[in-house]
């Protein structure tokens, strides 16, 4: 029987922070002793182009080096991508589809045909309110932590401090931590 890792596939547009979010998730898992992978896959490397990022998290060394075909969770950072049938490829009904949208679960179910658990969060709106920029990745990380428990919220807060602390002002770091917490608190699943 093949080894099964916890796998996340991120769908976004370049510039929305999927690569950074997958890296933060991997680093948080690494800190608690997990084996991890985090890697992006770009088409045309330009802002706004569709892209994917991937995470594998496991209790044993990860020996495979391919993209993720059967994710446990699919994270969609841009709901305009929902019309693409590849979004739910390989996601079984035991998996979770997490979407950044102001629309409800029924809209996502209708657009994707996915019959499993769907979670939605208004990540861009939260990012605009807290960070003052429409980059929803930290909000999505908060929602992902809430629905999976794969790492703690505090571990992601620490990653935000370490990753953003040297690049951005304390206000920006604190705004991202607030956005993370709101994603955790405001995600809705059905």
N, C-alpha and C. Protein backbone atom coordinates (compact mmCIF):
# COMPACT_ATOMS: atom_id res chain seq x y z
N UNK A 1 0.85 -1.18 0.00
CA UNK A 1 0.00 0.00 0.00
C UNK A 1 0.89 1.24 0.00
N UNK A 2 0.63 2.19 -0.91
CA UNK A 2 1.48 3.38 -0.96
C UNK A 2 1.29 4.25 0.29
N UNK A 3 2.34 4.96 0.65
CA UNK A 3 2.30 5.86 1.79
C UNK A 3 1.44 7.06 1.42
N UNK A 4 0.60 7.49 2.35
CA UNK A 4 -0.25 8.66 2.10
C UNK A 4 0.19 9.80 3.01
N UNK A 5 0.53 10.87 2.39
CA UNK A 5 0.87 12.08 3.13
C UNK A 5 -0.37 12.97 3.16
N UNK A 6 -0.34 13.99 4.02
CA UNK A 6 -1.38 15.01 3.98
C UNK A 6 -0.98 15.96 2.86
N UNK A 7 -1.86 16.10 1.87
CA UNK A 7 -1.50 16.87 0.68
C UNK A 7 -2.49 18.00 0.43
N UNK A 8 -1.93 19.17 0.10
CA UNK A 8 -2.72 20.36 -0.20
C UNK A 8 -2.32 20.86 -1.58
N UNK A 9 -3.32 21.16 -2.39
CA UNK A 9 -3.07 21.79 -3.69
C UNK A 9 -3.72 23.17 -3.67
N UNK A 10 -2.92 24.17 -3.95
CA UNK A 10 -3.36 25.57 -3.96
C UNK A 10 -3.59 26.00 -5.40
N UNK A 11 -4.71 26.64 -5.68
CA UNK A 11 -4.99 27.24 -6.99
C UNK A 11 -5.14 28.74 -6.78
N UNK A 12 -4.40 29.52 -7.55
CA UNK A 12 -4.44 30.97 -7.38
C UNK A 12 -4.01 31.63 -8.67
N UNK A 13 -3.88 32.92 -8.59
CA UNK A 13 -3.26 33.69 -9.66
C UNK A 13 -1.94 34.22 -9.10
N UNK A 14 -0.95 34.30 -9.96
CA UNK A 14 0.36 34.80 -9.53
C UNK A 14 0.19 36.17 -8.88
N UNK A 15 0.81 36.35 -7.74
CA UNK A 15 0.71 37.61 -7.01
C UNK A 15 -0.26 37.57 -5.85
N UNK A 16 -1.00 36.47 -5.69
CA UNK A 16 -1.97 36.37 -4.59
C UNK A 16 -1.39 35.70 -3.35
N UNK A 17 -0.14 35.26 -3.42
CA UNK A 17 0.52 34.75 -2.23
C UNK A 17 0.42 33.25 -1.99
N UNK A 18 0.01 32.46 -2.98
CA UNK A 18 -0.11 31.01 -2.79
C UNK A 18 1.25 30.38 -2.49
N UNK A 19 2.27 30.80 -3.20
CA UNK A 19 3.61 30.24 -2.97
C UNK A 19 4.08 30.55 -1.54
N UNK A 20 3.90 31.79 -1.10
CA UNK A 20 4.29 32.16 0.27
C UNK A 20 3.47 31.40 1.30
N UNK A 21 2.18 31.24 1.06
CA UNK A 21 1.32 30.52 2.01
C UNK A 21 1.75 29.06 2.11
N UNK A 22 2.04 28.43 0.98
CA UNK A 22 2.46 27.03 1.03
C UNK A 22 3.80 26.90 1.75
N UNK A 23 4.67 27.88 1.57
CA UNK A 23 5.96 27.86 2.25
C UNK A 23 5.77 28.03 3.76
N UNK A 24 4.90 28.96 4.17
CA UNK A 24 4.65 29.15 5.61
C UNK A 24 4.07 27.90 6.25
N UNK A 25 3.13 27.25 5.55
CA UNK A 25 2.54 26.02 6.06
C UNK A 25 3.61 24.95 6.24
N UNK A 26 4.46 24.80 5.24
CA UNK A 26 5.53 23.79 5.31
C UNK A 26 6.49 24.08 6.46
N UNK A 27 6.88 25.33 6.62
CA UNK A 27 7.83 25.69 7.68
C UNK A 27 7.21 25.48 9.07
N UNK A 28 5.92 25.78 9.21
CA UNK A 28 5.25 25.55 10.49
C UNK A 28 5.20 24.05 10.81
N UNK A 29 4.91 23.23 9.79
CA UNK A 29 4.87 21.78 9.99
C UNK A 29 6.27 21.23 10.29
N UNK A 30 7.28 21.77 9.63
CA UNK A 30 8.66 21.34 9.86
C UNK A 30 9.06 21.60 11.31
N UNK A 31 8.64 22.73 11.84
CA UNK A 31 8.98 23.08 13.22
C UNK A 31 8.39 22.12 14.25
N UNK A 32 7.31 21.42 13.90
CA UNK A 32 6.75 20.46 14.86
C UNK A 32 7.20 19.03 14.54
N UNK A 33 8.24 18.91 13.70
CA UNK A 33 8.85 17.62 13.46
C UNK A 33 8.31 16.84 12.28
N UNK A 34 7.51 17.45 11.44
CA UNK A 34 6.98 16.76 10.26
C UNK A 34 7.98 16.85 9.11
N UNK A 35 7.85 15.95 8.18
CA UNK A 35 8.57 16.03 6.91
C UNK A 35 7.67 16.82 5.96
N UNK A 36 8.26 17.68 5.14
CA UNK A 36 7.45 18.57 4.33
C UNK A 36 8.00 18.77 2.92
N UNK A 37 7.10 19.17 2.05
CA UNK A 37 7.43 19.70 0.73
C UNK A 37 6.52 20.89 0.49
N UNK A 38 7.07 21.89 -0.18
CA UNK A 38 6.28 23.04 -0.65
C UNK A 38 6.90 23.50 -1.95
N UNK A 39 6.10 23.55 -3.00
CA UNK A 39 6.66 23.98 -4.28
C UNK A 39 5.56 24.56 -5.16
N UNK A 40 5.93 25.56 -5.98
CA UNK A 40 4.96 26.16 -6.89
C UNK A 40 5.06 25.54 -8.27
N UNK A 41 4.03 25.78 -9.08
CA UNK A 41 4.03 25.39 -10.49
C UNK A 41 3.38 26.54 -11.26
N UNK A 42 4.16 27.17 -12.09
CA UNK A 42 3.68 28.32 -12.84
C UNK A 42 3.47 27.95 -14.29
N UNK A 43 2.51 28.61 -14.91
CA UNK A 43 2.38 28.58 -16.36
C UNK A 43 3.18 29.77 -16.86
N UNK A 44 2.50 30.74 -17.42
CA UNK A 44 3.16 31.99 -17.80
C UNK A 44 3.47 32.74 -16.51
N UNK A 45 4.74 33.07 -16.30
CA UNK A 45 5.12 33.74 -15.05
C UNK A 45 4.86 35.23 -15.16
N UNK A 46 3.63 35.60 -14.92
CA UNK A 46 3.24 37.00 -14.91
C UNK A 46 2.15 37.18 -13.87
N UNK A 47 2.09 38.36 -13.30
CA UNK A 47 1.06 38.64 -12.30
C UNK A 47 -0.32 38.41 -12.91
N UNK A 48 -1.15 37.68 -12.20
CA UNK A 48 -2.51 37.40 -12.65
C UNK A 48 -2.67 36.10 -13.40
N UNK A 49 -1.58 35.47 -13.80
CA UNK A 49 -1.67 34.19 -14.51
C UNK A 49 -2.02 33.08 -13.53
N UNK A 50 -2.85 32.12 -13.93
CA UNK A 50 -3.15 31.00 -13.03
C UNK A 50 -1.88 30.24 -12.66
N UNK A 51 -1.80 29.85 -11.41
CA UNK A 51 -0.66 29.05 -10.93
C UNK A 51 -1.15 28.11 -9.84
N UNK A 52 -0.30 27.13 -9.54
CA UNK A 52 -0.62 26.20 -8.46
C UNK A 52 0.59 26.12 -7.52
N UNK A 53 0.30 25.77 -6.30
CA UNK A 53 1.35 25.47 -5.33
C UNK A 53 0.92 24.20 -4.61
N UNK A 54 1.89 23.53 -4.01
CA UNK A 54 1.62 22.22 -3.42
C UNK A 54 2.29 22.10 -2.05
N UNK A 55 1.66 21.32 -1.17
CA UNK A 55 2.25 20.93 0.11
C UNK A 55 2.07 19.45 0.31
N UNK A 56 3.11 18.82 0.79
CA UNK A 56 3.03 17.45 1.33
C UNK A 56 3.57 17.53 2.74
N UNK A 57 2.85 16.91 3.67
CA UNK A 57 3.26 16.89 5.06
C UNK A 57 3.11 15.46 5.55
N UNK A 58 4.16 14.93 6.18
CA UNK A 58 4.10 13.55 6.63
C UNK A 58 4.94 13.28 7.87
N UNK A 59 4.75 12.09 8.41
CA UNK A 59 5.51 11.67 9.58
C UNK A 59 6.76 10.90 9.21
N UNK A 60 6.91 10.59 7.93
CA UNK A 60 8.10 9.88 7.44
C UNK A 60 8.67 10.67 6.26
N UNK A 61 9.93 10.42 5.91
CA UNK A 61 10.52 11.16 4.79
C UNK A 61 9.67 11.04 3.52
N UNK A 62 9.60 12.14 2.79
CA UNK A 62 8.81 12.20 1.57
C UNK A 62 9.74 11.95 0.39
N UNK A 63 9.50 10.85 -0.29
CA UNK A 63 10.41 10.44 -1.35
C UNK A 63 9.89 10.76 -2.75
N UNK A 64 8.61 11.06 -2.89
CA UNK A 64 8.09 11.37 -4.22
C UNK A 64 8.29 12.85 -4.53
N UNK A 65 8.43 13.14 -5.80
CA UNK A 65 8.73 14.51 -6.23
C UNK A 65 7.81 14.98 -7.36
N UNK A 66 6.59 14.54 -7.33
CA UNK A 66 5.66 14.90 -8.40
C UNK A 66 4.63 15.90 -7.87
N UNK A 67 3.88 16.50 -8.80
CA UNK A 67 2.79 17.36 -8.37
C UNK A 67 1.73 16.48 -7.68
N UNK A 68 0.81 17.12 -6.99
CA UNK A 68 -0.17 16.39 -6.20
C UNK A 68 -1.41 16.10 -7.03
N UNK A 69 -1.70 14.82 -7.17
CA UNK A 69 -2.82 14.38 -8.00
C UNK A 69 -4.08 14.11 -7.19
N UNK A 70 -3.94 13.69 -5.93
CA UNK A 70 -5.08 13.35 -5.08
C UNK A 70 -4.98 14.08 -3.74
N UNK A 71 -5.26 15.38 -3.75
CA UNK A 71 -5.10 16.17 -2.53
C UNK A 71 -6.15 15.86 -1.48
N UNK A 72 -5.78 16.11 -0.23
CA UNK A 72 -6.75 16.04 0.87
C UNK A 72 -7.55 17.32 0.93
N UNK A 73 -6.90 18.42 0.56
CA UNK A 73 -7.54 19.74 0.56
C UNK A 73 -7.12 20.48 -0.71
N UNK A 74 -8.09 21.13 -1.33
CA UNK A 74 -7.80 22.06 -2.42
C UNK A 74 -8.17 23.45 -1.92
N UNK A 75 -7.21 24.38 -2.02
CA UNK A 75 -7.42 25.76 -1.61
C UNK A 75 -7.50 26.60 -2.88
N UNK A 76 -8.60 27.32 -3.05
CA UNK A 76 -8.78 28.18 -4.22
C UNK A 76 -8.76 29.63 -3.73
N UNK A 77 -7.70 30.35 -4.08
CA UNK A 77 -7.53 31.72 -3.60
C UNK A 77 -8.27 32.71 -4.48
N UNK A 78 -8.60 32.33 -5.71
CA UNK A 78 -9.31 33.22 -6.62
C UNK A 78 -10.53 32.49 -7.18
N UNK A 79 -11.73 32.92 -6.77
CA UNK A 79 -12.94 32.19 -7.17
C UNK A 79 -13.26 32.29 -8.66
N UNK A 80 -12.57 33.15 -9.41
CA UNK A 80 -12.77 33.17 -10.86
C UNK A 80 -12.20 31.91 -11.51
N UNK A 81 -11.40 31.16 -10.77
CA UNK A 81 -10.84 29.90 -11.28
C UNK A 81 -11.80 28.73 -11.13
N UNK A 82 -12.92 28.91 -10.44
CA UNK A 82 -13.83 27.81 -10.16
C UNK A 82 -14.43 27.16 -11.40
N UNK A 83 -14.52 27.86 -12.50
CA UNK A 83 -15.06 27.28 -13.73
C UNK A 83 -14.15 26.25 -14.37
N UNK A 84 -12.91 26.17 -13.92
CA UNK A 84 -11.94 25.22 -14.47
C UNK A 84 -12.13 23.86 -13.80
N UNK A 85 -12.50 22.83 -14.57
CA UNK A 85 -12.74 21.51 -13.96
C UNK A 85 -11.50 20.92 -13.29
N UNK A 86 -10.31 21.39 -13.66
CA UNK A 86 -9.07 20.87 -13.06
C UNK A 86 -8.96 21.22 -11.57
N UNK A 87 -9.74 22.19 -11.11
CA UNK A 87 -9.70 22.59 -9.70
C UNK A 87 -9.98 21.41 -8.78
N UNK A 88 -10.97 20.60 -9.11
CA UNK A 88 -11.34 19.49 -8.23
C UNK A 88 -10.78 18.14 -8.69
N UNK A 89 -9.93 18.13 -9.72
CA UNK A 89 -9.32 16.87 -10.17
C UNK A 89 -8.66 16.15 -9.01
N UNK A 90 -8.99 14.90 -8.83
CA UNK A 90 -8.35 14.07 -7.82
C UNK A 90 -8.85 14.28 -6.41
N UNK A 91 -9.73 15.24 -6.19
CA UNK A 91 -10.25 15.51 -4.85
C UNK A 91 -11.46 14.61 -4.62
N UNK A 92 -11.34 13.70 -3.67
CA UNK A 92 -12.46 12.80 -3.38
C UNK A 92 -13.47 13.49 -2.48
N UNK A 93 -14.62 12.86 -2.31
CA UNK A 93 -15.65 13.42 -1.44
C UNK A 93 -15.23 13.44 0.03
N UNK A 94 -14.16 12.72 0.38
CA UNK A 94 -13.63 12.78 1.75
C UNK A 94 -12.74 14.00 1.92
N UNK A 95 -12.38 14.65 0.82
CA UNK A 95 -11.52 15.82 0.86
C UNK A 95 -12.30 17.09 1.17
N UNK A 96 -11.57 18.20 1.18
CA UNK A 96 -12.16 19.50 1.49
C UNK A 96 -11.78 20.49 0.39
N UNK A 97 -12.77 21.26 -0.05
CA UNK A 97 -12.55 22.34 -1.00
C UNK A 97 -12.72 23.65 -0.24
N UNK A 98 -11.66 24.43 -0.12
CA UNK A 98 -11.66 25.71 0.59
C UNK A 98 -11.53 26.83 -0.43
N UNK A 99 -12.50 27.75 -0.44
CA UNK A 99 -12.54 28.78 -1.47
C UNK A 99 -12.65 30.17 -0.87
N UNK A 100 -11.86 31.10 -1.41
CA UNK A 100 -11.98 32.52 -1.11
C UNK A 100 -13.09 33.07 -1.99
N UNK A 101 -14.22 33.41 -1.38
CA UNK A 101 -15.34 33.96 -2.14
C UNK A 101 -16.29 34.70 -1.22
N UNK A 102 -16.98 35.67 -1.79
CA UNK A 102 -18.04 36.35 -1.04
C UNK A 102 -19.36 35.62 -1.24
N UNK A 103 -19.35 34.66 -2.14
CA UNK A 103 -20.55 33.87 -2.40
C UNK A 103 -20.57 32.68 -1.44
N UNK A 104 -21.68 32.01 -1.36
CA UNK A 104 -21.83 30.93 -0.39
C UNK A 104 -21.39 29.57 -0.90
N UNK A 105 -21.52 28.60 -0.02
CA UNK A 105 -21.18 27.21 -0.33
C UNK A 105 -21.99 26.71 -1.52
N UNK A 106 -23.28 27.06 -1.59
CA UNK A 106 -24.12 26.58 -2.69
C UNK A 106 -23.59 27.04 -4.05
N UNK A 107 -23.11 28.27 -4.12
CA UNK A 107 -22.52 28.79 -5.37
C UNK A 107 -21.30 27.94 -5.77
N UNK A 108 -20.43 27.67 -4.81
CA UNK A 108 -19.22 26.89 -5.09
C UNK A 108 -19.60 25.48 -5.55
N UNK A 109 -20.57 24.89 -4.86
CA UNK A 109 -21.02 23.54 -5.23
C UNK A 109 -21.57 23.52 -6.65
N UNK A 110 -22.35 24.54 -6.99
CA UNK A 110 -22.93 24.64 -8.33
C UNK A 110 -21.84 24.82 -9.39
N UNK A 111 -20.85 25.69 -9.11
CA UNK A 111 -19.78 25.96 -10.08
C UNK A 111 -18.86 24.76 -10.29
N UNK A 112 -18.64 23.97 -9.23
CA UNK A 112 -17.64 22.90 -9.30
C UNK A 112 -18.25 21.50 -9.42
N UNK A 113 -19.48 21.34 -8.96
CA UNK A 113 -20.08 20.01 -8.92
C UNK A 113 -19.51 19.15 -7.80
N UNK A 114 -18.67 19.71 -6.94
CA UNK A 114 -18.04 18.95 -5.86
C UNK A 114 -19.07 18.60 -4.80
N UNK A 115 -19.13 17.32 -4.41
CA UNK A 115 -20.14 16.84 -3.49
C UNK A 115 -19.64 16.70 -2.05
N UNK A 116 -18.35 16.90 -1.83
CA UNK A 116 -17.79 16.77 -0.49
C UNK A 116 -17.92 18.05 0.32
N UNK A 117 -17.08 18.17 1.33
CA UNK A 117 -17.12 19.32 2.24
C UNK A 117 -16.54 20.55 1.54
N UNK A 118 -17.32 21.62 1.56
CA UNK A 118 -16.89 22.89 0.97
C UNK A 118 -16.85 23.94 2.08
N UNK A 119 -15.75 24.69 2.12
CA UNK A 119 -15.59 25.77 3.09
C UNK A 119 -15.33 27.06 2.32
N UNK A 120 -15.94 28.14 2.78
CA UNK A 120 -15.74 29.44 2.14
C UNK A 120 -15.35 30.48 3.18
N UNK A 121 -14.57 31.46 2.72
CA UNK A 121 -14.18 32.58 3.56
C UNK A 121 -13.99 33.79 2.65
N UNK A 122 -14.39 34.95 3.14
CA UNK A 122 -14.27 36.19 2.36
C UNK A 122 -12.86 36.75 2.53
N UNK A 123 -11.88 36.01 2.06
CA UNK A 123 -10.48 36.30 2.33
C UNK A 123 -10.01 37.63 1.74
N UNK A 124 -10.40 37.93 0.51
CA UNK A 124 -9.95 39.20 -0.08
C UNK A 124 -10.54 40.38 0.69
N UNK A 125 -11.81 40.30 1.05
CA UNK A 125 -12.43 41.37 1.83
C UNK A 125 -11.71 41.56 3.16
N UNK A 126 -11.41 40.47 3.84
CA UNK A 126 -10.70 40.54 5.12
C UNK A 126 -9.31 41.13 4.92
N UNK A 127 -8.61 40.70 3.87
CA UNK A 127 -7.27 41.23 3.59
C UNK A 127 -7.32 42.73 3.35
N UNK A 128 -8.31 43.18 2.59
CA UNK A 128 -8.44 44.62 2.32
C UNK A 128 -8.72 45.39 3.61
N UNK A 129 -9.54 44.82 4.47
CA UNK A 129 -9.87 45.49 5.74
C UNK A 129 -8.67 45.54 6.68
N UNK A 130 -7.94 44.44 6.79
CA UNK A 130 -6.87 44.34 7.78
C UNK A 130 -5.51 44.80 7.24
N UNK A 131 -5.15 44.33 6.06
CA UNK A 131 -3.81 44.59 5.51
C UNK A 131 -3.82 45.80 4.58
N UNK A 132 -5.01 46.17 4.12
CA UNK A 132 -5.20 47.27 3.16
C UNK A 132 -4.68 46.92 1.78
N UNK A 133 -4.52 45.63 1.51
CA UNK A 133 -4.12 45.12 0.20
C UNK A 133 -4.91 43.85 -0.06
N UNK A 134 -5.24 43.60 -1.31
CA UNK A 134 -6.04 42.43 -1.68
C UNK A 134 -5.22 41.18 -1.85
N UNK A 135 -4.33 40.89 -0.90
CA UNK A 135 -3.53 39.67 -0.96
C UNK A 135 -4.04 38.75 0.16
N UNK A 136 -4.86 37.74 -0.21
CA UNK A 136 -5.61 36.97 0.79
C UNK A 136 -4.90 35.75 1.36
N UNK A 137 -3.61 35.57 1.11
CA UNK A 137 -2.97 34.31 1.50
C UNK A 137 -2.96 34.04 3.00
N UNK A 138 -2.73 35.05 3.83
CA UNK A 138 -2.70 34.77 5.27
C UNK A 138 -4.09 34.45 5.80
N UNK A 139 -5.11 35.07 5.21
CA UNK A 139 -6.49 34.75 5.60
C UNK A 139 -6.79 33.29 5.27
N UNK A 140 -6.38 32.87 4.07
CA UNK A 140 -6.63 31.49 3.64
C UNK A 140 -5.88 30.50 4.53
N UNK A 141 -4.67 30.86 4.96
CA UNK A 141 -3.92 30.00 5.88
C UNK A 141 -4.68 29.82 7.19
N UNK A 142 -5.25 30.91 7.71
CA UNK A 142 -6.03 30.81 8.94
C UNK A 142 -7.21 29.86 8.78
N UNK A 143 -7.91 29.99 7.65
CA UNK A 143 -9.04 29.10 7.38
C UNK A 143 -8.58 27.65 7.25
N UNK A 144 -7.47 27.44 6.56
CA UNK A 144 -6.93 26.08 6.37
C UNK A 144 -6.57 25.44 7.71
N UNK A 145 -5.93 26.21 8.57
CA UNK A 145 -5.56 25.70 9.90
C UNK A 145 -6.81 25.31 10.69
N UNK A 146 -7.85 26.13 10.61
CA UNK A 146 -9.09 25.85 11.34
C UNK A 146 -9.73 24.55 10.86
N UNK A 147 -9.82 24.36 9.54
CA UNK A 147 -10.57 23.21 9.03
C UNK A 147 -9.78 21.91 9.04
N UNK A 148 -8.44 22.00 9.15
CA UNK A 148 -7.63 20.77 9.11
C UNK A 148 -6.92 20.48 10.43
N UNK A 149 -6.55 21.50 11.18
CA UNK A 149 -5.77 21.29 12.39
C UNK A 149 -4.37 20.75 12.12
N UNK A 150 -3.90 20.86 10.89
CA UNK A 150 -2.60 20.29 10.51
C UNK A 150 -1.44 20.93 11.27
N UNK A 151 -1.55 22.21 11.57
CA UNK A 151 -0.60 22.92 12.43
C UNK A 151 -1.42 23.87 13.29
N UNK A 152 -0.79 24.49 14.28
CA UNK A 152 -1.53 25.41 15.15
C UNK A 152 -1.55 26.81 14.55
N UNK A 153 -2.53 27.58 14.95
CA UNK A 153 -2.62 28.97 14.54
C UNK A 153 -1.37 29.73 15.01
N UNK A 154 -0.92 29.43 16.21
CA UNK A 154 0.26 30.10 16.77
C UNK A 154 1.51 29.82 15.93
N UNK A 155 1.61 28.62 15.38
CA UNK A 155 2.79 28.30 14.57
C UNK A 155 2.80 29.13 13.28
N UNK A 156 1.63 29.40 12.72
CA UNK A 156 1.56 30.24 11.52
C UNK A 156 1.83 31.70 11.90
N UNK A 157 1.34 32.15 13.05
CA UNK A 157 1.66 33.50 13.51
C UNK A 157 3.16 33.69 13.62
N UNK A 158 3.83 32.69 14.16
CA UNK A 158 5.29 32.75 14.30
C UNK A 158 5.95 32.84 12.92
N UNK A 159 5.44 32.07 11.97
CA UNK A 159 6.00 32.11 10.61
C UNK A 159 5.80 33.49 9.98
N UNK A 160 4.64 34.11 10.21
CA UNK A 160 4.38 35.46 9.70
C UNK A 160 5.39 36.43 10.29
N UNK A 161 5.62 36.34 11.60
CA UNK A 161 6.60 37.22 12.24
C UNK A 161 7.99 37.03 11.64
N UNK A 162 8.38 35.77 11.45
CA UNK A 162 9.73 35.50 10.94
C UNK A 162 9.87 35.82 9.46
N UNK A 163 8.84 35.52 8.67
CA UNK A 163 8.93 35.73 7.23
C UNK A 163 8.76 37.21 6.86
N UNK A 164 7.84 37.89 7.55
CA UNK A 164 7.53 39.28 7.19
C UNK A 164 8.27 40.31 8.05
N UNK A 165 8.74 39.89 9.23
CA UNK A 165 9.33 40.82 10.18
C UNK A 165 10.51 41.61 9.65
N UNK A 166 11.35 41.00 8.85
CA UNK A 166 12.51 41.69 8.30
C UNK A 166 12.20 42.52 7.07
N UNK A 167 11.05 42.28 6.47
CA UNK A 167 10.71 42.96 5.20
C UNK A 167 9.72 44.10 5.39
N UNK A 168 8.82 43.96 6.37
CA UNK A 168 7.71 44.90 6.50
C UNK A 168 7.68 45.52 7.89
N UNK A 169 6.92 46.59 8.03
CA UNK A 169 6.79 47.27 9.31
C UNK A 169 6.04 46.38 10.30
N UNK A 170 6.17 46.72 11.58
CA UNK A 170 5.45 45.99 12.63
C UNK A 170 3.94 46.06 12.39
N UNK A 171 3.46 47.19 11.87
CA UNK A 171 2.03 47.35 11.59
C UNK A 171 1.56 46.34 10.54
N UNK A 172 2.37 46.13 9.51
CA UNK A 172 2.01 45.17 8.45
C UNK A 172 2.02 43.75 9.01
N UNK A 173 3.01 43.43 9.82
CA UNK A 173 3.08 42.10 10.44
C UNK A 173 1.85 41.86 11.31
N UNK A 174 1.51 42.84 12.15
CA UNK A 174 0.34 42.71 13.02
C UNK A 174 -0.96 42.61 12.21
N UNK A 175 -1.05 43.36 11.11
CA UNK A 175 -2.23 43.31 10.25
C UNK A 175 -2.38 41.91 9.64
N UNK A 176 -1.28 41.30 9.23
CA UNK A 176 -1.32 39.94 8.69
C UNK A 176 -1.73 38.94 9.75
N UNK A 177 -1.30 39.13 10.99
CA UNK A 177 -1.70 38.24 12.07
C UNK A 177 -3.20 38.38 12.36
N UNK A 178 -3.71 39.61 12.30
CA UNK A 178 -5.16 39.81 12.47
C UNK A 178 -5.93 39.14 11.34
N UNK A 179 -5.43 39.28 10.11
CA UNK A 179 -6.08 38.66 8.94
C UNK A 179 -6.08 37.14 9.09
N UNK A 180 -4.98 36.58 9.54
CA UNK A 180 -4.87 35.14 9.79
C UNK A 180 -5.95 34.69 10.78
N UNK A 181 -6.08 35.40 11.89
CA UNK A 181 -7.05 35.05 12.92
C UNK A 181 -8.48 35.16 12.40
N UNK A 182 -8.74 36.18 11.59
CA UNK A 182 -10.09 36.33 11.05
C UNK A 182 -10.42 35.20 10.09
N UNK A 183 -9.45 34.76 9.30
CA UNK A 183 -9.68 33.61 8.43
C UNK A 183 -10.04 32.38 9.26
N UNK A 184 -9.34 32.19 10.36
CA UNK A 184 -9.58 31.09 11.28
C UNK A 184 -10.99 31.17 11.86
N UNK A 185 -11.40 32.37 12.24
CA UNK A 185 -12.69 32.57 12.91
C UNK A 185 -13.87 32.62 11.95
N UNK A 186 -13.65 33.09 10.71
CA UNK A 186 -14.76 33.39 9.83
C UNK A 186 -15.02 32.37 8.72
N UNK A 187 -14.21 31.33 8.63
CA UNK A 187 -14.45 30.30 7.62
C UNK A 187 -15.75 29.56 7.94
N UNK A 188 -16.53 29.29 6.90
CA UNK A 188 -17.83 28.60 7.03
C UNK A 188 -17.79 27.34 6.17
N UNK A 189 -18.21 26.22 6.74
CA UNK A 189 -18.16 24.95 6.02
C UNK A 189 -19.53 24.29 5.96
N UNK A 190 -19.73 23.52 4.88
CA UNK A 190 -20.97 22.76 4.76
C UNK A 190 -20.71 21.53 3.91
